[in-house]
Amino acid sequence: MRPEIHTLFVVAAIGIITGMLHSVLRQVGRDDWAHWVTIVGFVIVLYMVAGYLQSLFQHLQRVFHFY
């Protein structure tokens, strides 16, 4: 499997796990923890995707000759 597809599935899995944890924590009454779990999940995904965004922008610079 290509790394891009693997990363897509990992991001989807993190989103599903984060959503489930958020729902469970809200039902238990821990709204503050639920929000923190969501923020941490978002930061993890953002960190994973940041490398791909950087390579995309570099590729666009090469294609359109923006040096």
C-alpha atoms as a PDB file:
ATOM      1  CA  MET A   1       0.000   0.000   0.000  1.00  0.00           C
ATOM      2  CA  ARG A   2       1.301   3.466  -0.858  1.00  0.00           C
ATOM      3  CA  PRO A   3       2.299   5.754   2.025  1.00  0.00           C
ATOM      4  CA  GLU A   4      -0.319   8.369   1.087  1.00  0.00           C
ATOM      5  CA  ILE A   5      -3.156   5.859   1.306  1.00  0.00           C
ATOM      6  CA  HIS A   6      -1.773   4.480   4.558  1.00  0.00           C
ATOM      7  CA  THR A   7      -1.688   7.999   6.010  1.00  0.00           C
ATOM      8  CA  LEU A   8      -5.270   8.565   4.897  1.00  0.00           C
ATOM      9  CA  PHE A   9      -6.426   5.461   6.759  1.00  0.00           C
ATOM     10  CA  VAL A  10      -4.433   6.443   9.862  1.00  0.00           C
ATOM     11  CA  VAL A  11      -6.008   9.920   9.851  1.00  0.00           C
ATOM     12  CA  ALA A  12      -9.464   8.355   9.474  1.00  0.00           C
ATOM     13  CA  ALA A  13      -8.764   5.955  12.349  1.00  0.00           C
ATOM     14  CA  ILE A  14      -7.589   8.782  14.597  1.00  0.00           C
ATOM     15  CA  GLY A  15     -10.744  10.729  13.737  1.00  0.00           C
ATOM     16  CA  ILE A  16     -13.000   7.788  14.555  1.00  0.00           C
ATOM     17  CA  ILE A  17     -11.217   7.041  17.846  1.00  0.00           C
ATOM     18  CA  THR A  18     -11.245  10.716  18.814  1.00  0.00           C
ATOM     19  CA  GLY A  19     -14.951  10.975  18.037  1.00  0.00           C
ATOM     20  CA  MET A  20     -15.761   7.892  20.088  1.00  0.00           C
ATOM     21  CA  LEU A  21     -13.705   9.090  23.055  1.00  0.00           C
ATOM     22  CA  HIS A  22     -15.330  12.515  22.829  1.00  0.00           C
ATOM     23  CA  SER A  23     -18.820  10.989  22.884  1.00  0.00           C
ATOM     24  CA  VAL A  24     -18.040   8.676  25.799  1.00  0.00           C
ATOM     25  CA  LEU A  25     -16.448  11.432  27.867  1.00  0.00           C
ATOM     26  CA  ARG A  26     -19.386  13.780  27.253  1.00  0.00           C
ATOM     27  CA  GLN A  27     -21.882  11.125  28.335  1.00  0.00           C
ATOM     28  CA  VAL A  28     -19.896  10.532  31.510  1.00  0.00           C
ATOM     29  CA  GLY A  29     -19.973  14.250  32.228  1.00  0.00           C
ATOM     30  CA  ARG A  30     -16.341  15.079  31.533  1.00  0.00           C
ATOM     31  CA  ASP A  31     -16.878  17.813  28.949  1.00  0.00           C
ATOM     32  CA  ASP A  32     -13.508  19.434  29.636  1.00  0.00           C
ATOM     33  CA  TRP A  33     -11.645  16.176  28.995  1.00  0.00           C
ATOM     34  CA  ALA A  34     -13.727  15.560  25.879  1.00  0.00           C
ATOM     35  CA  HIS A  35     -12.636  18.887  24.428  1.00  0.00           C
ATOM     36  CA  TRP A  36      -8.990  18.188  25.254  1.00  0.00           C
ATOM     37  CA  VAL A  37      -9.170  14.792  23.529  1.00  0.00           C
ATOM     38  CA  THR A  38     -10.562  16.480  20.432  1.00  0.00           C
ATOM     39  CA  ILE A  39      -7.829  19.126  20.443  1.00  0.00           C
ATOM     40  CA  VAL A  40      -5.072  16.534  20.901  1.00  0.00           C
ATOM     41  CA  GLY A  41      -6.484  14.427  18.057  1.00  0.00           C
ATOM     42  CA  PHE A  42      -6.588  17.477  15.811  1.00  0.00           C
ATOM     43  CA  VAL A  43      -2.980  18.402  16.640  1.00  0.00           C
ATOM     44  CA  ILE A  44      -1.771  14.856  15.927  1.00  0.00           C
ATOM     45  CA  VAL A  45      -3.487  14.825  12.530  1.00  0.00           C
ATOM     46  CA  LEU A  46      -2.247  18.331  11.741  1.00  0.00           C
ATOM     47  CA  TYR A  47       1.314  17.270  12.533  1.00  0.00           C
ATOM     48  CA  MET A  48       0.980  14.225  10.261  1.00  0.00           C
ATOM     49  CA  VAL A  49      -0.467  16.204   7.362  1.00  0.00           C
ATOM     50  CA  ALA A  50       1.961  19.135   7.666  1.00  0.00           C
ATOM     51  CA  GLY A  51       4.728  17.233   5.869  1.00  0.00           C
ATOM     52  CA  TYR A  52       2.464  16.445   2.936  1.00  0.00           C
ATOM     53  CA  LEU A  53       1.334  20.058   2.701  1.00  0.00           C
ATOM     54  CA  GLN A  54       4.922  21.246   2.648  1.00  0.00           C
ATOM     55  CA  SER A  55       5.822  18.887  -0.187  1.00  0.00           C
ATOM     56  CA  LEU A  56       2.673  19.960  -2.076  1.00  0.00           C
ATOM     57  CA  PHE A  57       3.628  23.641  -1.848  1.00  0.00           C
ATOM     58  CA  GLN A  58       7.198  22.876  -2.937  1.00  0.00           C
ATOM     59  CA  HIS A  59       5.879  20.932  -5.913  1.00  0.00           C
ATOM     60  CA  LEU A  60       3.569  23.817  -6.862  1.00  0.00           C
ATOM     61  CA  GLN A  61       6.492  26.233  -6.654  1.00  0.00           C
ATOM     62  CA  ARG A  62       8.508  24.054  -9.041  1.00  0.00           C
ATOM     63  CA  VAL A  63       5.595  23.674 -11.465  1.00  0.00           C
ATOM     64  CA  PHE A  64       4.792  27.372 -11.649  1.00  0.00           C
ATOM     65  CA  HIS A  65       8.422  28.540 -11.283  1.00  0.00           C
ATOM     66  CA  PHE A  66       7.852  30.520  -8.077  1.00  0.00           C
ATOM     67  CA  TYR A  67      11.365  30.596  -6.612  1.00  0.00           C
END
